[in-house]
Amino acid sequence: MDPNLRFGISQRQPFVQRFLLWTELLDPVYLFISVGKIENSRQLLLTNEDAPTLYRDDQRIREAWQRSLSTVHPDNSKLIPALFRPAAFMPLVAPLVFLSMMPVKGIKSMILPQVSLYAYTTAFTITNGNASYSHGPVERTLLGTGVCVSSTLFGLIPHFVHMRYGLDNFWIRKALPIAILAQVSGVNVLASRRLESIRGIEVMDKKGNVIGHSRRAGEKDPVFPAKSAVVWGLKTGLYSSDNGTDGAGIVQYISPSWTDTARST
């Protein structure tokens, strides 16, 4: 069994603990860590049966878990591309959110930030989503393209409304973009992972044995990330519109699939 998957099964954590664990994976070092160090860490976890229970007590085991969880996908044991690892999310998304909330000066300044934001978040969601369902690269590409285009169009609604009606009220002018960002972020996650509910994802017992595929589990799997996306959108929008911070208010956006609650029965 993949070490990351074993960790997810043994560590059935509530939201707060999952969020705290997520923050531990945001160290930029994990973007540049060598393949050799990752393999050594995973080998240590594979050879130590008590590794999941020693996460908090053994510093060496803890570092090995952090390296593995932040760089390797649990469903296929493949390295996650550096641009789509948890540590890359905030540095890349925060500036795009800030730009998307700025007053527009032309058609390019209105569209490009939205396209860039949702192109990245869509790719991030698909890359880190469940990979146990049957799929091909073409259909995932088509799905991602459709989700990106539709998310961009919905993300442009506040600008269109402002151009059409003026929105002289300060509070409406500030609140509308934030509300749209939060809602579109949540829908973006659900739409990007739509194939999971259509095809069904693997369901395992507590020992990690696959007992079948479930569409119901596929429907449940993206719910937690989608809710987190809504919170992320609200937090980021408030920080961006109020003081232009670089993402200090961002909370978890996509939960890596090793934390998904629908993984075992």
C-alpha atoms as a PDB file:
ATOM      1  CA  MET A   1       0.000   0.000   0.000  1.00  0.00           C
ATOM      2  CA  ASP A   2       1.217   3.502  -0.783  1.00  0.00           C
ATOM      3  CA  PRO A   3       2.576   5.177   2.398  1.00  0.00           C
ATOM      4  CA  ASN A   4       0.460   8.298   1.852  1.00  0.00           C
ATOM      5  CA  LEU A   5      -2.675   6.189   1.547  1.00  0.00           C
ATOM      6  CA  ARG A   6      -1.764   4.290   4.705  1.00  0.00           C
ATOM      7  CA  PHE A   7      -1.338   7.599   6.501  1.00  0.00           C
ATOM      8  CA  GLY A   8      -4.771   8.781   5.359  1.00  0.00           C
ATOM      9  CA  ILE A   9      -6.444   5.592   6.577  1.00  0.00           C
ATOM     10  CA  SER A  10      -4.724   5.613   9.973  1.00  0.00           C
ATOM     11  CA  GLN A  11      -5.088   9.358  10.597  1.00  0.00           C
ATOM     12  CA  ARG A  12      -8.831  10.018  10.446  1.00  0.00           C
ATOM     13  CA  GLN A  13      -8.608  13.672  11.398  1.00  0.00           C
ATOM     14  CA  PRO A  14     -11.223  16.434  11.846  1.00  0.00           C
ATOM     15  CA  PHE A  15     -11.054  19.638   9.815  1.00  0.00           C
ATOM     16  CA  VAL A  16      -8.811  21.593  12.222  1.00  0.00           C
ATOM     17  CA  GLN A  17      -6.140  18.883  12.383  1.00  0.00           C
ATOM     18  CA  ARG A  18      -6.271  18.406   8.620  1.00  0.00           C
ATOM     19  CA  PHE A  19      -5.827  22.145   8.161  1.00  0.00           C
ATOM     20  CA  LEU A  20      -2.845  22.208  10.547  1.00  0.00           C
ATOM     21  CA  LEU A  21      -1.281  19.285   8.713  1.00  0.00           C
ATOM     22  CA  TRP A  22      -1.844  21.104   5.413  1.00  0.00           C
ATOM     23  CA  THR A  23       0.057  24.152   6.719  1.00  0.00           C
ATOM     24  CA  GLU A  24       3.027  21.935   7.511  1.00  0.00           C
ATOM     25  CA  LEU A  25       3.287  21.007   3.827  1.00  0.00           C
ATOM     26  CA  LEU A  26       3.564  24.601   2.603  1.00  0.00           C
ATOM     27  CA  ASP A  27       7.315  24.910   3.114  1.00  0.00           C
ATOM     28  CA  PRO A  28       8.823  26.072  -0.234  1.00  0.00           C
ATOM     29  CA  VAL A  29      11.631  23.569   0.300  1.00  0.00           C
ATOM     30  CA  TYR A  30       9.261  20.844  -0.922  1.00  0.00           C
ATOM     31  CA  LEU A  31       9.181  22.468  -4.359  1.00  0.00           C
ATOM     32  CA  PHE A  32      12.882  21.817  -4.899  1.00  0.00           C
ATOM     33  CA  ILE A  33      13.496  18.624  -2.938  1.00  0.00           C
ATOM     34  CA  SER A  34      15.418  15.989  -4.901  1.00  0.00           C
ATOM     35  CA  VAL A  35      13.879  12.729  -6.073  1.00  0.00           C
ATOM     36  CA  GLY A  36      16.524  10.842  -4.106  1.00  0.00           C
ATOM     37  CA  LYS A  37      15.449  12.395  -0.797  1.00  0.00           C
ATOM     38  CA  ILE A  38      11.807  11.675  -1.567  1.00  0.00           C
ATOM     39  CA  GLU A  39      12.557   8.020  -2.351  1.00  0.00           C
ATOM     40  CA  ASN A  40      14.646   7.637   0.814  1.00  0.00           C
ATOM     41  CA  SER A  41      11.842   9.109   2.910  1.00  0.00           C
ATOM     42  CA  ARG A  42       9.232   6.815   1.389  1.00  0.00           C
ATOM     43  CA  GLN A  43      11.467   3.799   1.847  1.00  0.00           C
ATOM     44  CA  LEU A  44      11.763   4.653   5.539  1.00  0.00           C
ATOM     45  CA  LEU A  45       7.973   4.841   5.803  1.00  0.00           C
ATOM     46  CA  LEU A  46       7.504   1.566   3.940  1.00  0.00           C
ATOM     47  CA  THR A  47       9.885  -0.334   6.204  1.00  0.00           C
ATOM     48  CA  ASN A  48       8.486   1.076   9.451  1.00  0.00           C
ATOM     49  CA  GLU A  49       5.057  -0.342  10.289  1.00  0.00           C
ATOM     50  CA  ASP A  50       4.588   2.130  13.147  1.00  0.00           C
ATOM     51  CA  ALA A  51       5.374   5.173  11.001  1.00  0.00           C
ATOM     52  CA  PRO A  52       1.799   6.624  11.049  1.00  0.00           C
ATOM     53  CA  THR A  53       1.629   6.530  14.862  1.00  0.00           C
ATOM     54  CA  LEU A  54       5.082   8.107  15.229  1.00  0.00           C
ATOM     55  CA  TYR A  55       4.219  11.207  13.194  1.00  0.00           C
ATOM     56  CA  ARG A  56       4.086  13.504  16.237  1.00  0.00           C
ATOM     57  CA  ASP A  57       6.784  11.828  18.331  1.00  0.00           C
ATOM     58  CA  ASP A  58       9.677  11.036  15.985  1.00  0.00           C
ATOM     59  CA  GLN A  59      11.218  14.018  14.160  1.00  0.00           C
ATOM     60  CA  ARG A  60      12.832  11.841  11.482  1.00  0.00           C
ATOM     61  CA  ILE A  61       9.538  10.069  10.740  1.00  0.00           C
ATOM     62  CA  ARG A  62       7.701  13.373  10.761  1.00  0.00           C
ATOM     63  CA  GLU A  63      10.029  14.887   8.155  1.00  0.00           C
ATOM     64  CA  ALA A  64       9.709  11.743   6.023  1.00  0.00           C
ATOM     65  CA  TRP A  65       5.911  12.001   6.113  1.00  0.00           C
ATOM     66  CA  GLN A  66       5.981  15.671   5.193  1.00  0.00           C
ATOM     67  CA  ARG A  67       8.265  15.022   2.223  1.00  0.00           C
ATOM     68  CA  SER A  68       6.103  12.169   1.000  1.00  0.00           C
ATOM     69  CA  LEU A  69       2.710  13.825   1.539  1.00  0.00           C
ATOM     70  CA  SER A  70       3.757  17.064  -0.134  1.00  0.00           C
ATOM     71  CA  THR A  71       5.293  15.553  -3.268  1.00  0.00           C
ATOM     72  CA  VAL A  72       3.666  12.184  -4.118  1.00  0.00           C
ATOM     73  CA  HIS A  73       0.098  11.388  -5.178  1.00  0.00           C
ATOM     74  CA  PRO A  74      -1.309   8.507  -3.080  1.00  0.00           C
ATOM     75  CA  ASP A  75      -3.476   6.950  -5.791  1.00  0.00           C
ATOM     76  CA  ASN A  76      -0.750   6.313  -8.348  1.00  0.00           C
ATOM     77  CA  SER A  77       2.468   6.900  -6.340  1.00  0.00           C
ATOM     78  CA  LYS A  78       3.633   9.399  -8.949  1.00  0.00           C
ATOM     79  CA  LEU A  79       5.470  12.618  -8.194  1.00  0.00           C
ATOM     80  CA  ILE A  80       3.230  15.668  -8.204  1.00  0.00           C
ATOM     81  CA  PRO A  81       4.664  18.333 -10.573  1.00  0.00           C
ATOM     82  CA  ALA A  82       6.305  21.117  -8.570  1.00  0.00           C
ATOM     83  CA  LEU A  83       3.820  23.752  -9.797  1.00  0.00           C
ATOM     84  CA  PHE A  84       0.904  21.756  -8.401  1.00  0.00           C
ATOM     85  CA  ARG A  85       2.289  20.821  -5.006  1.00  0.00           C
ATOM     86  CA  PRO A  86       0.696  22.362  -1.896  1.00  0.00           C
ATOM     87  CA  ALA A  87       3.714  24.607  -1.333  1.00  0.00           C
ATOM     88  CA  ALA A  88       3.220  26.252  -4.745  1.00  0.00           C
ATOM     89  CA  PHE A  89      -0.466  27.042  -4.361  1.00  0.00           C
ATOM     90  CA  MET A  90      -0.459  30.212  -2.271  1.00  0.00           C
ATOM     91  CA  PRO A  91       2.570  31.920  -3.910  1.00  0.00           C
ATOM     92  CA  LEU A  92       0.961  31.472  -7.336  1.00  0.00           C
ATOM     93  CA  VAL A  93      -2.720  32.031  -6.563  1.00  0.00           C
ATOM     94  CA  ALA A  94      -2.516  34.967  -4.135  1.00  0.00           C
ATOM     95  CA  PRO A  95      -1.116  37.448  -6.730  1.00  0.00           C
ATOM     96  CA  LEU A  96      -3.700  36.285  -9.288  1.00  0.00           C
ATOM     97  CA  VAL A  97      -6.544  36.831  -6.828  1.00  0.00           C
ATOM     98  CA  PHE A  98      -5.184  40.275  -5.988  1.00  0.00           C
ATOM     99  CA  LEU A  99      -5.001  41.211  -9.693  1.00  0.00           C
ATOM    100  CA  SER A 100      -8.511  39.883 -10.339  1.00  0.00           C
ATOM    101  CA  MET A 101      -9.870  42.169  -7.602  1.00  0.00           C
ATOM    102  CA  MET A 102      -8.179  45.303  -8.943  1.00  0.00           C
ATOM    103  CA  PRO A 103     -10.147  47.937 -10.916  1.00  0.00           C
ATOM    104  CA  VAL A 104      -9.955  47.149 -14.615  1.00  0.00           C
ATOM    105  CA  LYS A 105      -8.262  49.485 -17.079  1.00  0.00           C
ATOM    106  CA  GLY A 106      -9.077  47.569 -20.225  1.00  0.00           C
ATOM    107  CA  ILE A 107     -10.311  44.280 -21.622  1.00  0.00           C
ATOM    108  CA  LYS A 108      -6.947  42.547 -21.058  1.00  0.00           C
ATOM    109  CA  SER A 109      -6.676  43.587 -17.412  1.00  0.00           C
ATOM    110  CA  MET A 110     -10.201  42.272 -16.909  1.00  0.00           C
ATOM    111  CA  ILE A 111      -9.869  38.879 -18.604  1.00  0.00           C
ATOM    112  CA  LEU A 112      -6.228  37.762 -18.182  1.00  0.00           C
ATOM    113  CA  PRO A 113      -6.195  37.562 -14.348  1.00  0.00           C
ATOM    114  CA  GLN A 114      -9.434  35.567 -14.371  1.00  0.00           C
ATOM    115  CA  VAL A 115      -8.219  33.160 -17.055  1.00  0.00           C
ATOM    116  CA  SER A 116      -4.870  32.671 -15.298  1.00  0.00           C
ATOM    117  CA  LEU A 117      -6.497  32.154 -11.892  1.00  0.00           C
ATOM    118  CA  TYR A 118      -9.013  29.546 -12.968  1.00  0.00           C
ATOM    119  CA  ALA A 119      -6.669  27.799 -15.387  1.00  0.00           C
ATOM    120  CA  TYR A 120      -4.259  27.177 -12.527  1.00  0.00           C
ATOM    121  CA  THR A 121      -6.842  26.251  -9.890  1.00  0.00           C
ATOM    122  CA  THR A 122      -8.563  23.862 -12.305  1.00  0.00           C
ATOM    123  CA  ALA A 123      -5.281  22.149 -13.164  1.00  0.00           C
ATOM    124  CA  PHE A 124      -4.346  22.047  -9.470  1.00  0.00           C
ATOM    125  CA  THR A 125      -7.666  20.430  -8.547  1.00  0.00           C
ATOM    126  CA  ILE A 126      -7.497  17.789 -11.277  1.00  0.00           C
ATOM    127  CA  THR A 127      -3.855  16.985 -10.528  1.00  0.00           C
ATOM    128  CA  ASN A 128      -4.456  16.531  -6.796  1.00  0.00           C
ATOM    129  CA  GLY A 129      -7.876  14.925  -7.101  1.00  0.00           C
ATOM    130  CA  ASN A 130      -8.706  11.253  -6.822  1.00  0.00           C
ATOM    131  CA  ALA A 131      -7.017   9.225  -9.560  1.00  0.00           C
ATOM    132  CA  SER A 132      -8.581   5.823  -8.880  1.00  0.00           C
ATOM    133  CA  TYR A 133     -11.428   6.185 -11.408  1.00  0.00           C
ATOM    134  CA  SER A 134     -11.068   5.259 -15.082  1.00  0.00           C
ATOM    135  CA  HIS A 135     -10.075   8.227 -17.197  1.00  0.00           C
ATOM    136  CA  GLY A 136      -7.954   9.258 -20.142  1.00  0.00           C
ATOM    137  CA  PRO A 137      -5.813  12.348 -20.767  1.00  0.00           C
ATOM    138  CA  VAL A 138      -8.088  13.648 -23.541  1.00  0.00           C
ATOM    139  CA  GLU A 139     -11.274  13.683 -21.474  1.00  0.00           C
ATOM    140  CA  ARG A 140      -9.493  15.221 -18.497  1.00  0.00           C
ATOM    141  CA  THR A 141      -8.118  17.934 -20.785  1.00  0.00           C
ATOM    142  CA  LEU A 142     -11.555  18.622 -22.258  1.00  0.00           C
ATOM    143  CA  LEU A 143     -13.111  18.686 -18.795  1.00  0.00           C
ATOM    144  CA  GLY A 144     -10.441  21.056 -17.492  1.00  0.00           C
ATOM    145  CA  THR A 145     -10.819  23.377 -20.479  1.00  0.00           C
ATOM    146  CA  GLY A 146     -14.592  23.537 -20.073  1.00  0.00           C
ATOM    147  CA  VAL A 147     -14.351  24.179 -16.330  1.00  0.00           C
ATOM    148  CA  CYS A 148     -11.734  26.898 -16.840  1.00  0.00           C
ATOM    149  CA  VAL A 149     -13.785  28.702 -19.486  1.00  0.00           C
ATOM    150  CA  SER A 150     -17.044  28.547 -17.519  1.00  0.00           C
ATOM    151  CA  SER A 151     -15.335  29.612 -14.266  1.00  0.00           C
ATOM    152  CA  THR A 152     -13.740  32.561 -16.049  1.00  0.00           C
ATOM    153  CA  LEU A 153     -17.084  33.698 -17.454  1.00  0.00           C
ATOM    154  CA  PHE A 154     -18.738  33.526 -14.041  1.00  0.00           C
ATOM    155  CA  GLY A 155     -15.735  35.267 -12.478  1.00  0.00           C
ATOM    156  CA  LEU A 156     -16.223  38.185 -14.870  1.00  0.00           C
ATOM    157  CA  ILE A 157     -19.812  38.804 -13.695  1.00  0.00           C
ATOM    158  CA  PRO A 158     -18.850  41.532 -11.153  1.00  0.00           C
ATOM    159  CA  HIS A 159     -16.994  43.464 -13.859  1.00  0.00           C
ATOM    160  CA  PHE A 160     -19.898  43.194 -16.293  1.00  0.00           C
ATOM    161  CA  VAL A 161     -22.365  44.307 -13.613  1.00  0.00           C
ATOM    162  CA  HIS A 162     -20.145  47.251 -12.680  1.00  0.00           C
ATOM    163  CA  MET A 163     -19.800  48.299 -16.342  1.00  0.00           C
ATOM    164  CA  ARG A 164     -23.557  48.031 -16.887  1.00  0.00           C
ATOM    165  CA  TYR A 165     -24.958  49.506 -13.686  1.00  0.00           C
ATOM    166  CA  GLY A 166     -22.104  51.513 -12.205  1.00  0.00           C
ATOM    167  CA  LEU A 167     -22.411  50.114  -8.641  1.00  0.00           C
ATOM    168  CA  ASP A 168     -21.896  53.405  -6.845  1.00  0.00           C
ATOM    169  CA  ASN A 169     -22.607  51.793  -3.483  1.00  0.00           C
ATOM    170  CA  PHE A 170     -19.205  51.101  -1.867  1.00  0.00           C
ATOM    171  CA  TRP A 171     -20.305  47.969   0.011  1.00  0.00           C
ATOM    172  CA  ILE A 172     -21.931  46.335  -3.006  1.00  0.00           C
ATOM    173  CA  ARG A 173     -18.901  47.150  -5.141  1.00  0.00           C
ATOM    174  CA  LYS A 174     -16.639  45.421  -2.615  1.00  0.00           C
ATOM    175  CA  ALA A 175     -18.886  42.540  -1.540  1.00  0.00           C
ATOM    176  CA  LEU A 176     -20.049  41.329  -4.972  1.00  0.00           C
ATOM    177  CA  PRO A 177     -16.596  40.283  -6.290  1.00  0.00           C
ATOM    178  CA  ILE A 178     -15.825  38.479  -3.023  1.00  0.00           C
ATOM    179  CA  ALA A 179     -19.123  36.576  -3.030  1.00  0.00           C
ATOM    180  CA  ILE A 180     -18.693  35.587  -6.690  1.00  0.00           C
ATOM    181  CA  LEU A 181     -15.078  34.494  -6.085  1.00  0.00           C
ATOM    182  CA  ALA A 182     -16.125  32.266  -3.176  1.00  0.00           C
ATOM    183  CA  GLN A 183     -18.988  30.630  -5.061  1.00  0.00           C
ATOM    184  CA  VAL A 184     -17.076  30.122  -8.295  1.00  0.00           C
ATOM    185  CA  SER A 185     -14.131  28.631  -6.369  1.00  0.00           C
ATOM    186  CA  GLY A 186     -16.389  26.009  -4.800  1.00  0.00           C
ATOM    187  CA  VAL A 187     -18.160  25.162  -8.053  1.00  0.00           C
ATOM    188  CA  ASN A 188     -14.790  24.995  -9.818  1.00  0.00           C
ATOM    189  CA  VAL A 189     -13.677  22.196  -7.483  1.00  0.00           C
ATOM    190  CA  LEU A 190     -16.898  20.216  -7.895  1.00  0.00           C
ATOM    191  CA  ALA A 191     -16.891  20.579 -11.681  1.00  0.00           C
ATOM    192  CA  SER A 192     -13.195  19.723 -12.015  1.00  0.00           C
ATOM    193  CA  ARG A 193     -13.770  16.463 -10.151  1.00  0.00           C
ATOM    194  CA  ARG A 194     -17.084  15.645 -11.757  1.00  0.00           C
ATOM    195  CA  LEU A 195     -15.797  12.444 -13.378  1.00  0.00           C
ATOM    196  CA  GLU A 196     -15.275  10.919  -9.930  1.00  0.00           C
ATOM    197  CA  SER A 197     -19.005  10.856  -9.250  1.00  0.00           C
ATOM    198  CA  ILE A 198     -19.800   9.615 -12.764  1.00  0.00           C
ATOM    199  CA  ARG A 199     -17.243   6.795 -12.920  1.00  0.00           C
ATOM    200  CA  GLY A 200     -16.985   5.973  -9.213  1.00  0.00           C
ATOM    201  CA  ILE A 201     -13.817   5.856  -7.125  1.00  0.00           C
ATOM    202  CA  GLU A 202     -12.128   3.014  -5.280  1.00  0.00           C
ATOM    203  CA  VAL A 203     -13.465   2.225  -1.815  1.00  0.00           C
ATOM    204  CA  MET A 204     -11.212   0.467   0.684  1.00  0.00           C
ATOM    205  CA  ASP A 205     -11.552  -1.229   4.028  1.00  0.00           C
ATOM    206  CA  LYS A 206      -9.503  -0.227   7.056  1.00  0.00           C
ATOM    207  CA  LYS A 207      -6.645  -2.463   5.893  1.00  0.00           C
ATOM    208  CA  GLY A 208      -6.395  -0.725   2.549  1.00  0.00           C
ATOM    209  CA  ASN A 209      -7.923  -3.540   0.500  1.00  0.00           C
ATOM    210  CA  VAL A 210      -9.991  -2.349  -2.476  1.00  0.00           C
ATOM    211  CA  ILE A 211     -13.536  -3.660  -2.099  1.00  0.00           C
ATOM    212  CA  GLY A 212     -15.020  -1.992  -5.160  1.00  0.00           C
ATOM    213  CA  HIS A 213     -15.891   1.295  -6.837  1.00  0.00           C
ATOM    214  CA  SER A 214     -18.561   3.672  -5.615  1.00  0.00           C
ATOM    215  CA  ARG A 215     -20.274   6.598  -7.320  1.00  0.00           C
ATOM    216  CA  ARG A 216     -21.641   7.728  -3.975  1.00  0.00           C
ATOM    217  CA  ALA A 217     -18.093   7.951  -2.603  1.00  0.00           C
ATOM    218  CA  GLY A 218     -17.160   9.858  -5.738  1.00  0.00           C
ATOM    219  CA  GLU A 219     -19.883  12.377  -4.955  1.00  0.00           C
ATOM    220  CA  LYS A 220     -18.734  12.730  -1.354  1.00  0.00           C
ATOM    221  CA  ASP A 221     -15.010  12.904  -2.105  1.00  0.00           C
ATOM    222  CA  PRO A 222     -14.863  16.516  -3.460  1.00  0.00           C
ATOM    223  CA  VAL A 223     -17.302  17.998  -0.919  1.00  0.00           C
ATOM    224  CA  PHE A 224     -14.726  18.876   1.731  1.00  0.00           C
ATOM    225  CA  PRO A 225     -12.363  20.543  -0.799  1.00  0.00           C
ATOM    226  CA  ALA A 226     -15.299  22.448  -2.300  1.00  0.00           C
ATOM    227  CA  LYS A 227     -16.375  23.793   1.101  1.00  0.00           C
ATOM    228  CA  SER A 228     -12.765  24.757   1.778  1.00  0.00           C
ATOM    229  CA  ALA A 229     -12.673  26.526  -1.570  1.00  0.00           C
ATOM    230  CA  VAL A 230     -15.648  28.686  -0.601  1.00  0.00           C
ATOM    231  CA  VAL A 231     -13.962  29.657   2.676  1.00  0.00           C
ATOM    232  CA  TRP A 232     -10.714  30.278   0.808  1.00  0.00           C
ATOM    233  CA  GLY A 233     -12.497  32.529  -1.666  1.00  0.00           C
ATOM    234  CA  LEU A 234     -14.121  34.588   1.083  1.00  0.00           C
ATOM    235  CA  LYS A 235     -10.901  34.926   3.088  1.00  0.00           C
ATOM    236  CA  THR A 236      -8.710  35.765   0.101  1.00  0.00           C
ATOM    237  CA  GLY A 237     -11.224  38.209  -1.341  1.00  0.00           C
ATOM    238  CA  LEU A 238     -11.495  40.078   1.949  1.00  0.00           C
ATOM    239  CA  TYR A 239      -7.737  40.343   2.354  1.00  0.00           C
ATOM    240  CA  SER A 240      -7.183  41.312  -1.271  1.00  0.00           C
ATOM    241  CA  SER A 241      -9.883  43.971  -1.340  1.00  0.00           C
ATOM    242  CA  ASP A 242      -9.016  45.444   2.065  1.00  0.00           C
ATOM    243  CA  ASN A 243      -5.255  45.648   2.209  1.00  0.00           C
ATOM    244  CA  GLY A 244      -3.714  43.790  -0.696  1.00  0.00           C
ATOM    245  CA  THR A 245      -1.890  41.192   1.381  1.00  0.00           C
ATOM    246  CA  ASP A 246      -0.091  38.362  -0.350  1.00  0.00           C
ATOM    247  CA  GLY A 247      -2.419  35.621   0.806  1.00  0.00           C
ATOM    248  CA  ALA A 248      -2.091  35.648   4.577  1.00  0.00           C
ATOM    249  CA  GLY A 249      -5.809  34.928   4.833  1.00  0.00           C
ATOM    250  CA  ILE A 250      -5.873  31.938   2.493  1.00  0.00           C
ATOM    251  CA  VAL A 251      -7.069  28.735   4.083  1.00  0.00           C
ATOM    252  CA  GLN A 252      -7.036  25.248   2.646  1.00  0.00           C
ATOM    253  CA  TYR A 253      -8.276  25.184  -0.925  1.00  0.00           C
ATOM    254  CA  ILE A 254      -7.797  21.647  -2.149  1.00  0.00           C
ATOM    255  CA  SER A 255      -7.421  18.793   0.284  1.00  0.00           C
ATOM    256  CA  PRO A 256      -4.937  16.285  -1.191  1.00  0.00           C
ATOM    257  CA  SER A 257      -6.678  13.012  -1.912  1.00  0.00           C
ATOM    258  CA  TRP A 258      -4.900  11.246   0.970  1.00  0.00           C
ATOM    259  CA  THR A 259      -7.223  13.160   3.316  1.00  0.00           C
ATOM    260  CA  ASP A 260     -10.483  12.433   1.513  1.00  0.00           C
ATOM    261  CA  THR A 261     -13.060  11.005   3.865  1.00  0.00           C
ATOM    262  CA  ALA A 262     -14.671   8.677   1.339  1.00  0.00           C
ATOM    263  CA  ARG A 263     -11.614   6.514   1.092  1.00  0.00           C
ATOM    264  CA  SER A 264     -12.579   3.765   3.495  1.00  0.00           C
ATOM    265  CA  THR A 265     -15.752   2.224   4.807  1.00  0.00           C
END
